[in-house]
């Protein structure tokens, strides 16, 4: 299995959760979060690959690189930006229902 296929599975699951829960309400916040996160991913992924902390099997990457980081590495950032706030929002909403609090 290539990194692309593996990432596609996780990003698809994250995207479905995002679309079902809050796509219409908060998509701008996600976009504003995603941009700096991708920039930081580009900087630090290149640093850890350059420092030989992480290496990738050439046969399992697409060959598309940003610096020396494979494009597949950025899927983890996209998935995290979609999943973490969505889960936080859903759990907070459930907690509010249990305690009877209403958010303004």
N, C-alpha and C. Protein backbone atom coordinates (compact mmCIF):
# COMPACT_ATOMS: atom_id res chain seq x y z
N UNK A 1 0.84 -1.17 0.00
CA UNK A 1 0.00 0.00 0.00
C UNK A 1 0.89 1.24 0.00
N UNK A 2 0.56 2.20 -0.86
CA UNK A 2 1.34 3.43 -0.91
C UNK A 2 0.88 4.40 0.17
N UNK A 3 1.71 5.38 0.43
CA UNK A 3 1.34 6.41 1.40
C UNK A 3 0.11 7.18 0.92
N UNK A 4 0.01 7.39 -0.38
CA UNK A 4 -1.14 8.11 -0.94
C UNK A 4 -2.45 7.41 -0.63
N UNK A 5 -2.50 6.11 -0.84
CA UNK A 5 -3.72 5.34 -0.59
C UNK A 5 -4.06 5.36 0.90
N UNK A 6 -3.08 5.18 1.73
CA UNK A 6 -3.29 5.21 3.18
C UNK A 6 -3.81 6.58 3.62
N UNK A 7 -3.20 7.63 3.11
CA UNK A 7 -3.64 8.99 3.46
C UNK A 7 -5.03 9.29 2.94
N UNK A 8 -5.33 8.79 1.75
CA UNK A 8 -6.64 9.01 1.16
C UNK A 8 -7.75 8.47 2.06
N UNK A 9 -7.51 7.32 2.65
CA UNK A 9 -8.49 6.72 3.57
C UNK A 9 -8.74 7.63 4.77
N UNK A 10 -7.66 8.09 5.41
CA UNK A 10 -7.81 8.92 6.60
C UNK A 10 -8.39 10.29 6.29
N UNK A 11 -7.97 10.90 5.21
CA UNK A 11 -8.50 12.22 4.85
C UNK A 11 -9.97 12.10 4.46
N UNK A 12 -10.34 11.03 3.78
CA UNK A 12 -11.75 10.84 3.40
C UNK A 12 -12.63 10.70 4.65
N UNK A 13 -12.18 9.93 5.62
CA UNK A 13 -12.94 9.79 6.87
C UNK A 13 -13.05 11.13 7.59
N UNK A 14 -11.94 11.86 7.66
CA UNK A 14 -11.95 13.18 8.30
C UNK A 14 -12.87 14.14 7.57
N UNK A 15 -12.86 14.11 6.26
CA UNK A 15 -13.69 15.00 5.46
C UNK A 15 -15.17 14.69 5.64
N UNK A 16 -15.52 13.42 5.71
CA UNK A 16 -16.91 13.05 5.93
C UNK A 16 -17.39 13.58 7.29
N UNK A 17 -16.60 13.37 8.32
CA UNK A 17 -16.95 13.89 9.65
C UNK A 17 -17.11 15.39 9.64
N UNK A 18 -16.22 16.08 8.97
CA UNK A 18 -16.29 17.54 8.86
C UNK A 18 -17.55 17.97 8.13
N UNK A 19 -17.83 17.34 7.00
CA UNK A 19 -18.99 17.73 6.20
C UNK A 19 -20.31 17.45 6.92
N UNK A 20 -20.37 16.34 7.64
CA UNK A 20 -21.59 15.98 8.36
C UNK A 20 -21.82 16.92 9.54
N UNK A 21 -20.78 17.30 10.23
CA UNK A 21 -20.95 18.05 11.47
C UNK A 21 -20.99 19.56 11.31
N UNK A 22 -20.03 20.14 10.61
CA UNK A 22 -19.94 21.60 10.70
C UNK A 22 -19.48 22.31 9.44
N UNK A 23 -19.50 21.70 8.33
CA UNK A 23 -18.97 22.32 7.11
C UNK A 23 -19.57 23.70 6.84
N UNK A 24 -20.87 23.84 6.97
CA UNK A 24 -21.51 25.11 6.64
C UNK A 24 -21.24 26.19 7.66
N UNK A 25 -21.06 25.80 8.90
CA UNK A 25 -20.96 26.78 9.97
C UNK A 25 -19.55 27.37 10.15
N UNK A 26 -18.55 26.56 10.02
CA UNK A 26 -17.21 27.02 10.42
C UNK A 26 -16.12 26.76 9.38
N UNK A 27 -16.44 26.60 8.14
CA UNK A 27 -15.42 26.22 7.17
C UNK A 27 -14.34 27.28 7.02
N UNK A 28 -14.67 28.56 7.22
CA UNK A 28 -13.65 29.62 7.11
C UNK A 28 -12.59 29.49 8.19
N UNK A 29 -13.03 29.12 9.40
CA UNK A 29 -12.06 28.92 10.49
C UNK A 29 -11.11 27.77 10.18
N UNK A 30 -11.64 26.73 9.57
CA UNK A 30 -10.79 25.59 9.19
C UNK A 30 -9.78 26.02 8.14
N UNK A 31 -10.21 26.80 7.18
CA UNK A 31 -9.30 27.28 6.13
C UNK A 31 -8.20 28.16 6.73
N UNK A 32 -8.58 29.04 7.65
CA UNK A 32 -7.59 29.91 8.30
C UNK A 32 -6.63 29.12 9.18
N UNK A 33 -7.07 28.01 9.69
CA UNK A 33 -6.20 27.15 10.49
C UNK A 33 -5.30 26.32 9.59
N UNK A 34 -5.85 25.86 8.49
CA UNK A 34 -5.10 24.98 7.60
C UNK A 34 -3.88 25.66 6.97
N UNK A 35 -4.01 26.91 6.58
CA UNK A 35 -2.91 27.59 5.90
C UNK A 35 -1.62 27.65 6.73
N UNK A 36 -1.66 28.18 7.97
CA UNK A 36 -0.42 28.19 8.74
C UNK A 36 0.06 26.79 9.11
N UNK A 37 -0.87 25.87 9.31
CA UNK A 37 -0.46 24.50 9.65
C UNK A 37 0.30 23.85 8.49
N UNK A 38 -0.15 24.09 7.26
CA UNK A 38 0.56 23.54 6.10
C UNK A 38 1.93 24.19 5.96
N UNK A 39 2.03 25.48 6.23
CA UNK A 39 3.32 26.16 6.19
C UNK A 39 4.27 25.58 7.23
N UNK A 40 3.77 25.39 8.44
CA UNK A 40 4.60 24.80 9.50
C UNK A 40 4.99 23.36 9.16
N UNK A 41 4.07 22.62 8.56
CA UNK A 41 4.38 21.26 8.14
C UNK A 41 5.50 21.27 7.11
N UNK A 42 5.43 22.18 6.17
CA UNK A 42 6.48 22.27 5.14
C UNK A 42 7.83 22.55 5.77
N UNK A 43 7.87 23.47 6.71
CA UNK A 43 9.13 23.83 7.35
C UNK A 43 9.69 22.66 8.17
N UNK A 44 8.87 22.14 9.07
CA UNK A 44 9.38 21.14 10.00
C UNK A 44 9.55 19.76 9.38
N UNK A 45 8.70 19.38 8.44
CA UNK A 45 8.90 18.10 7.76
C UNK A 45 10.20 18.11 6.96
N UNK A 46 10.46 19.20 6.29
CA UNK A 46 11.72 19.30 5.56
C UNK A 46 12.91 19.24 6.51
N UNK A 47 12.78 19.87 7.67
CA UNK A 47 13.86 19.84 8.65
C UNK A 47 14.12 18.42 9.17
N UNK A 48 13.06 17.68 9.49
CA UNK A 48 13.28 16.34 10.04
C UNK A 48 13.74 15.35 8.97
N UNK A 49 13.33 15.59 7.74
CA UNK A 49 13.83 14.72 6.66
C UNK A 49 15.29 15.06 6.36
N UNK A 50 15.61 16.35 6.32
CA UNK A 50 16.99 16.78 6.08
C UNK A 50 17.91 16.28 7.19
N UNK A 51 17.41 16.27 8.42
CA UNK A 51 18.20 15.79 9.55
C UNK A 51 18.25 14.28 9.65
N UNK A 52 17.65 13.60 8.69
CA UNK A 52 17.64 12.13 8.61
C UNK A 52 16.96 11.49 9.82
N UNK A 53 16.00 12.20 10.41
CA UNK A 53 15.21 11.63 11.49
C UNK A 53 14.14 10.71 10.90
N UNK A 54 13.62 11.10 9.72
CA UNK A 54 12.59 10.33 9.03
C UNK A 54 13.05 10.12 7.59
N UNK A 55 12.74 8.94 7.07
CA UNK A 55 13.02 8.65 5.66
C UNK A 55 11.81 7.94 5.07
N UNK A 56 11.64 8.07 3.77
CA UNK A 56 10.50 7.47 3.09
C UNK A 56 10.98 6.48 2.04
N UNK A 57 10.24 5.39 1.91
CA UNK A 57 10.51 4.41 0.87
C UNK A 57 10.13 5.03 -0.47
N UNK A 58 11.10 5.20 -1.34
CA UNK A 58 10.87 5.86 -2.63
C UNK A 58 9.80 5.15 -3.45
N UNK A 59 9.65 3.86 -3.27
CA UNK A 59 8.66 3.10 -4.04
C UNK A 59 7.23 3.37 -3.56
N UNK A 60 7.09 3.94 -2.38
CA UNK A 60 5.75 4.14 -1.82
C UNK A 60 5.30 5.59 -1.82
N UNK A 61 6.09 6.50 -2.38
CA UNK A 61 5.66 7.90 -2.48
C UNK A 61 5.42 8.25 -3.94
N UNK A 62 4.65 9.31 -4.14
CA UNK A 62 4.28 9.70 -5.51
C UNK A 62 5.43 10.35 -6.26
N UNK A 63 6.38 10.90 -5.54
CA UNK A 63 7.48 11.61 -6.18
C UNK A 63 7.26 13.11 -6.21
N UNK A 64 6.05 13.56 -5.85
CA UNK A 64 5.77 14.99 -5.78
C UNK A 64 6.28 15.47 -4.43
N UNK A 65 7.17 16.46 -4.47
CA UNK A 65 7.81 16.93 -3.25
C UNK A 65 7.58 18.42 -3.04
N UNK A 66 7.54 18.82 -1.79
CA UNK A 66 7.60 20.23 -1.42
C UNK A 66 8.90 20.34 -0.64
N UNK A 67 9.89 20.91 -1.28
CA UNK A 67 11.25 20.84 -0.74
C UNK A 67 11.72 19.41 -0.90
N UNK A 68 11.99 18.77 0.23
CA UNK A 68 12.34 17.34 0.19
C UNK A 68 11.28 16.47 0.85
N UNK A 69 10.18 17.10 1.24
CA UNK A 69 9.07 16.37 1.89
C UNK A 69 8.07 15.89 0.85
N UNK A 70 7.71 14.61 0.90
CA UNK A 70 6.70 14.12 -0.04
C UNK A 70 5.34 14.75 0.24
N UNK A 71 4.59 14.99 -0.82
CA UNK A 71 3.27 15.63 -0.70
C UNK A 71 2.35 14.82 0.20
N UNK A 72 2.54 13.52 0.24
CA UNK A 72 1.69 12.66 1.08
C UNK A 72 1.80 13.01 2.56
N UNK A 73 2.92 13.56 2.96
CA UNK A 73 3.13 13.92 4.35
C UNK A 73 2.18 15.02 4.81
N UNK A 74 1.69 15.81 3.89
CA UNK A 74 0.81 16.91 4.23
C UNK A 74 -0.61 16.44 4.52
N UNK A 75 -0.93 15.24 4.13
CA UNK A 75 -2.27 14.71 4.39
C UNK A 75 -2.53 14.56 5.88
N UNK A 76 -1.50 14.27 6.65
CA UNK A 76 -1.68 14.15 8.09
C UNK A 76 -2.12 15.48 8.69
N UNK A 77 -1.56 16.56 8.19
CA UNK A 77 -1.93 17.89 8.67
C UNK A 77 -3.37 18.21 8.29
N UNK A 78 -3.74 17.91 7.06
CA UNK A 78 -5.12 18.15 6.61
C UNK A 78 -6.10 17.36 7.47
N UNK A 79 -5.80 16.09 7.69
CA UNK A 79 -6.68 15.24 8.50
C UNK A 79 -6.78 15.78 9.94
N UNK A 80 -5.66 16.17 10.51
CA UNK A 80 -5.68 16.69 11.88
C UNK A 80 -6.49 17.98 11.99
N UNK A 81 -6.34 18.87 11.00
CA UNK A 81 -7.09 20.13 11.03
C UNK A 81 -8.59 19.87 10.89
N UNK A 82 -8.96 18.83 10.18
CA UNK A 82 -10.38 18.49 10.05
C UNK A 82 -10.91 17.76 11.27
N UNK A 83 -10.14 16.84 11.82
CA UNK A 83 -10.63 15.96 12.88
C UNK A 83 -10.62 16.62 14.26
N UNK A 84 -9.54 17.23 14.65
CA UNK A 84 -9.40 17.71 16.03
C UNK A 84 -10.47 18.73 16.40
N UNK A 85 -10.66 19.82 15.64
CA UNK A 85 -11.72 20.76 16.03
C UNK A 85 -13.12 20.17 15.90
N UNK A 86 -13.32 19.29 14.94
CA UNK A 86 -14.64 18.68 14.76
C UNK A 86 -14.99 17.83 15.98
N UNK A 87 -14.06 17.00 16.41
CA UNK A 87 -14.30 16.17 17.60
C UNK A 87 -14.51 17.06 18.82
N UNK A 88 -13.70 18.08 18.97
CA UNK A 88 -13.82 19.01 20.10
C UNK A 88 -15.21 19.65 20.10
N UNK A 89 -15.66 20.11 18.93
CA UNK A 89 -16.96 20.76 18.83
C UNK A 89 -18.09 19.79 19.15
N UNK A 90 -18.02 18.58 18.61
CA UNK A 90 -19.07 17.58 18.84
C UNK A 90 -19.11 17.19 20.31
N UNK A 91 -17.96 16.95 20.91
CA UNK A 91 -17.94 16.57 22.33
C UNK A 91 -18.44 17.71 23.21
N UNK A 92 -18.09 18.93 22.86
CA UNK A 92 -18.57 20.09 23.62
C UNK A 92 -20.07 20.25 23.49
N UNK A 93 -20.59 19.98 22.31
CA UNK A 93 -22.03 20.07 22.08
C UNK A 93 -22.76 19.00 22.89
N UNK A 94 -22.20 17.79 22.95
CA UNK A 94 -22.81 16.72 23.74
C UNK A 94 -22.76 17.04 25.22
N UNK A 95 -21.64 17.62 25.66
CA UNK A 95 -21.49 18.00 27.06
C UNK A 95 -22.51 19.06 27.44
N UNK A 96 -22.75 20.02 26.53
CA UNK A 96 -23.73 21.06 26.80
C UNK A 96 -25.14 20.48 26.93
N UNK A 97 -25.44 19.47 26.13
CA UNK A 97 -26.76 18.83 26.21
C UNK A 97 -26.94 18.13 27.56
N UNK A 98 -25.88 17.49 28.04
CA UNK A 98 -25.96 16.76 29.31
C UNK A 98 -26.13 17.71 30.48
N UNK A 99 -25.45 18.86 30.41
CA UNK A 99 -25.50 19.79 31.55
C UNK A 99 -26.63 20.80 31.41
N UNK A 100 -27.27 20.85 30.25
CA UNK A 100 -28.37 21.78 30.05
C UNK A 100 -27.92 23.18 29.71
N UNK A 101 -26.62 23.37 29.44
CA UNK A 101 -26.11 24.70 29.09
C UNK A 101 -26.39 24.99 27.61
N UNK A 102 -26.67 26.21 27.33
CA UNK A 102 -26.85 26.65 25.95
C UNK A 102 -25.70 27.58 25.60
N UNK A 103 -25.10 27.36 24.42
CA UNK A 103 -24.06 28.27 23.96
C UNK A 103 -24.70 29.44 23.24
N UNK A 104 -24.12 30.60 23.45
CA UNK A 104 -24.65 31.81 22.80
C UNK A 104 -23.87 32.11 21.56
